[in-house]
Amino acid sequence: MRVALFVTCVNDMLFPGTGRATVRLLERLGCTVEFSAAQACRGQMHSNTGYRGHSAVGPGHDPPELKIARA
């Protein structure tokens, strides 16, 4: 099974070992883990602290490769 993993910059900053542990677990379960080349910081920390104008979070800001169908 192929799995696309998006590790946020918030996660990288606060809990850097979590992304690596997630990859190890998924691989141990037989998954092939892939990362999008378009993955980048979207400014979630700015958005969460009220500086929305400094972030790229929200509809219309994601690169086409990262768009997820919303139900």
N, C-alpha and C. Protein backbone atom coordinates (compact mmCIF):
# COMPACT_ATOMS: atom_id res chain seq x y z
N MET A 1 0.83 -1.16 0.00
CA MET A 1 0.00 0.00 0.00
C MET A 1 0.89 1.24 0.00
N ARG A 2 0.55 2.19 -0.85
CA ARG A 2 1.26 3.47 -0.89
C ARG A 2 0.55 4.47 0.01
N VAL A 3 1.33 5.21 0.79
CA VAL A 3 0.78 6.19 1.72
C VAL A 3 1.49 7.52 1.47
N ALA A 4 0.71 8.59 1.32
CA ALA A 4 1.28 9.93 1.21
C ALA A 4 1.25 10.55 2.60
N LEU A 5 2.41 10.99 3.08
CA LEU A 5 2.51 11.54 4.43
C LEU A 5 2.82 13.03 4.35
N PHE A 6 2.02 13.81 5.04
CA PHE A 6 2.24 15.25 5.13
C PHE A 6 2.56 15.56 6.59
N VAL A 7 3.81 15.86 6.87
CA VAL A 7 4.23 16.23 8.23
C VAL A 7 4.31 17.75 8.27
N THR A 8 3.54 18.35 9.13
CA THR A 8 3.48 19.81 9.18
C THR A 8 4.72 20.41 9.84
N CYS A 9 4.95 21.68 9.58
CA CYS A 9 6.08 22.37 10.21
C CYS A 9 5.86 22.49 11.71
N VAL A 10 4.59 22.59 12.13
CA VAL A 10 4.30 22.63 13.57
C VAL A 10 4.80 21.35 14.22
N ASN A 11 4.50 20.22 13.58
CA ASN A 11 4.95 18.93 14.10
C ASN A 11 6.47 18.86 14.11
N ASP A 12 7.09 19.30 13.02
CA ASP A 12 8.56 19.29 12.94
C ASP A 12 9.19 20.13 14.05
N MET A 13 8.58 21.26 14.35
CA MET A 13 9.13 22.17 15.35
C MET A 13 8.93 21.65 16.77
N LEU A 14 7.73 21.16 17.08
CA LEU A 14 7.41 20.77 18.45
C LEU A 14 7.71 19.32 18.78
N PHE A 15 7.52 18.44 17.81
CA PHE A 15 7.69 17.00 18.04
C PHE A 15 8.43 16.35 16.88
N PRO A 16 9.71 16.69 16.66
CA PRO A 16 10.43 16.24 15.46
C PRO A 16 10.53 14.73 15.31
N GLY A 17 10.51 13.99 16.39
CA GLY A 17 10.63 12.54 16.28
C GLY A 17 9.35 11.86 15.82
N THR A 18 8.23 12.57 15.89
CA THR A 18 6.94 11.97 15.55
C THR A 18 6.87 11.58 14.07
N GLY A 19 7.33 12.45 13.19
CA GLY A 19 7.31 12.14 11.75
C GLY A 19 8.15 10.92 11.43
N ARG A 20 9.34 10.86 12.00
CA ARG A 20 10.22 9.72 11.76
C ARG A 20 9.61 8.43 12.31
N ALA A 21 9.01 8.52 13.50
CA ALA A 21 8.37 7.34 14.09
C ALA A 21 7.18 6.89 13.24
N THR A 22 6.45 7.84 12.69
CA THR A 22 5.30 7.50 11.84
C THR A 22 5.76 6.76 10.60
N VAL A 23 6.83 7.23 9.98
CA VAL A 23 7.37 6.56 8.80
C VAL A 23 7.82 5.14 9.15
N ARG A 24 8.55 4.98 10.26
CA ARG A 24 9.00 3.64 10.67
C ARG A 24 7.82 2.70 10.89
N LEU A 25 6.77 3.20 11.55
CA LEU A 25 5.60 2.37 11.81
C LEU A 25 4.91 1.97 10.52
N LEU A 26 4.68 2.94 9.64
CA LEU A 26 4.02 2.63 8.37
C LEU A 26 4.82 1.64 7.54
N GLU A 27 6.15 1.81 7.52
CA GLU A 27 6.99 0.87 6.78
C GLU A 27 6.97 -0.52 7.41
N ARG A 28 6.94 -0.57 8.73
CA ARG A 28 6.86 -1.86 9.42
C ARG A 28 5.55 -2.58 9.09
N LEU A 29 4.51 -1.80 8.83
CA LEU A 29 3.21 -2.37 8.47
C LEU A 29 3.11 -2.70 6.98
N GLY A 30 4.21 -2.49 6.25
CA GLY A 30 4.25 -2.85 4.83
C GLY A 30 3.89 -1.74 3.87
N CYS A 31 3.78 -0.52 4.35
CA CYS A 31 3.42 0.61 3.48
C CYS A 31 4.67 1.22 2.85
N THR A 32 4.49 1.75 1.65
CA THR A 32 5.51 2.56 1.00
C THR A 32 5.13 4.01 1.26
N VAL A 33 5.99 4.75 1.95
CA VAL A 33 5.67 6.12 2.35
C VAL A 33 6.26 7.08 1.33
N GLU A 34 5.42 8.00 0.86
CA GLU A 34 5.85 9.00 -0.12
C GLU A 34 5.60 10.39 0.43
N PHE A 35 6.42 11.34 -0.02
CA PHE A 35 6.29 12.73 0.36
C PHE A 35 6.15 13.57 -0.90
N SER A 36 5.26 14.52 -0.90
CA SER A 36 5.09 15.42 -2.04
C SER A 36 6.24 16.41 -2.10
N ALA A 37 6.77 16.63 -3.29
CA ALA A 37 7.82 17.64 -3.47
C ALA A 37 7.27 19.04 -3.20
N ALA A 38 5.95 19.20 -3.27
CA ALA A 38 5.32 20.50 -3.03
C ALA A 38 5.07 20.76 -1.55
N GLN A 39 5.39 19.80 -0.70
CA GLN A 39 5.17 19.96 0.74
C GLN A 39 6.05 21.07 1.27
N ALA A 40 5.44 22.02 1.96
CA ALA A 40 6.18 23.15 2.52
C ALA A 40 5.39 23.73 3.68
N CYS A 41 6.03 24.58 4.44
CA CYS A 41 5.34 25.24 5.54
C CYS A 41 4.26 26.14 4.95
N ARG A 42 3.05 26.01 5.48
CA ARG A 42 1.92 26.80 4.99
C ARG A 42 1.56 27.92 5.95
N GLY A 43 2.28 28.04 7.07
CA GLY A 43 2.02 29.12 8.01
C GLY A 43 0.98 28.78 9.06
N GLN A 44 0.83 27.50 9.37
CA GLN A 44 -0.18 27.11 10.36
C GLN A 44 0.06 27.77 11.72
N MET A 45 1.33 27.89 12.12
CA MET A 45 1.61 28.54 13.41
C MET A 45 1.13 29.98 13.42
N HIS A 46 1.31 30.69 12.32
CA HIS A 46 0.84 32.06 12.22
C HIS A 46 -0.68 32.11 12.30
N SER A 47 -1.32 31.23 11.56
CA SER A 47 -2.78 31.20 11.53
C SER A 47 -3.36 30.90 12.90
N ASN A 48 -2.76 29.93 13.61
CA ASN A 48 -3.28 29.53 14.92
C ASN A 48 -3.12 30.61 15.97
N THR A 49 -2.17 31.52 15.78
CA THR A 49 -1.93 32.55 16.78
C THR A 49 -2.51 33.91 16.38
N GLY A 50 -3.35 33.92 15.35
CA GLY A 50 -4.06 35.14 14.99
C GLY A 50 -3.42 35.98 13.90
N TYR A 51 -2.29 35.54 13.35
CA TYR A 51 -1.62 36.30 12.29
C TYR A 51 -1.97 35.69 10.93
N ARG A 52 -3.26 35.62 10.63
CA ARG A 52 -3.72 34.95 9.40
C ARG A 52 -3.16 35.60 8.13
N GLY A 53 -2.92 36.88 8.17
CA GLY A 53 -2.38 37.56 7.00
C GLY A 53 -0.96 37.14 6.65
N HIS A 54 -0.27 36.51 7.60
CA HIS A 54 1.10 36.07 7.38
C HIS A 54 1.18 34.59 7.01
N SER A 55 0.04 33.95 6.85
CA SER A 55 0.05 32.52 6.56
C SER A 55 -0.52 32.25 5.18
N ALA A 56 -0.31 31.03 4.73
CA ALA A 56 -0.87 30.59 3.45
C ALA A 56 -1.85 29.46 3.70
N VAL A 57 -2.54 29.52 4.84
CA VAL A 57 -3.47 28.46 5.23
C VAL A 57 -4.87 28.84 4.77
N GLY A 58 -5.57 27.89 4.20
CA GLY A 58 -6.95 28.11 3.82
C GLY A 58 -7.22 27.73 2.39
N PRO A 59 -8.49 27.74 2.03
CA PRO A 59 -8.88 27.35 0.67
C PRO A 59 -8.19 28.23 -0.37
N GLY A 60 -7.74 27.61 -1.45
CA GLY A 60 -7.11 28.33 -2.54
C GLY A 60 -5.62 28.54 -2.40
N HIS A 61 -5.04 28.14 -1.27
CA HIS A 61 -3.61 28.34 -1.06
C HIS A 61 -2.78 27.08 -1.26
N ASP A 62 -3.42 25.93 -1.37
CA ASP A 62 -2.67 24.69 -1.52
C ASP A 62 -2.27 24.46 -2.97
N PRO A 63 -1.06 23.95 -3.20
CA PRO A 63 -0.68 23.57 -4.56
C PRO A 63 -1.59 22.43 -5.03
N PRO A 64 -1.81 22.30 -6.34
CA PRO A 64 -2.73 21.26 -6.84
C PRO A 64 -2.40 19.85 -6.34
N GLU A 65 -1.11 19.55 -6.14
CA GLU A 65 -0.73 18.20 -5.71
C GLU A 65 -1.22 17.90 -4.30
N LEU A 66 -1.48 18.94 -3.50
CA LEU A 66 -1.85 18.72 -2.12
C LEU A 66 -3.35 18.87 -1.85
N LYS A 67 -4.13 19.22 -2.87
CA LYS A 67 -5.56 19.39 -2.65
C LYS A 67 -6.20 18.07 -2.27
N ILE A 68 -7.04 18.11 -1.28
CA ILE A 68 -7.72 16.93 -0.80
C ILE A 68 -9.22 17.16 -1.00
N ALA A 69 -9.88 16.14 -1.54
CA ALA A 69 -11.33 16.26 -1.73
C ALA A 69 -12.01 16.38 -0.37
N ARG A 70 -12.78 17.42 -0.21
CA ARG A 70 -13.48 17.62 1.05
C ARG A 70 -14.90 17.08 0.90
N ALA A 71 -15.31 16.27 1.86
CA ALA A 71 -16.65 15.66 1.80
C ALA A 71 -17.69 16.63 2.30
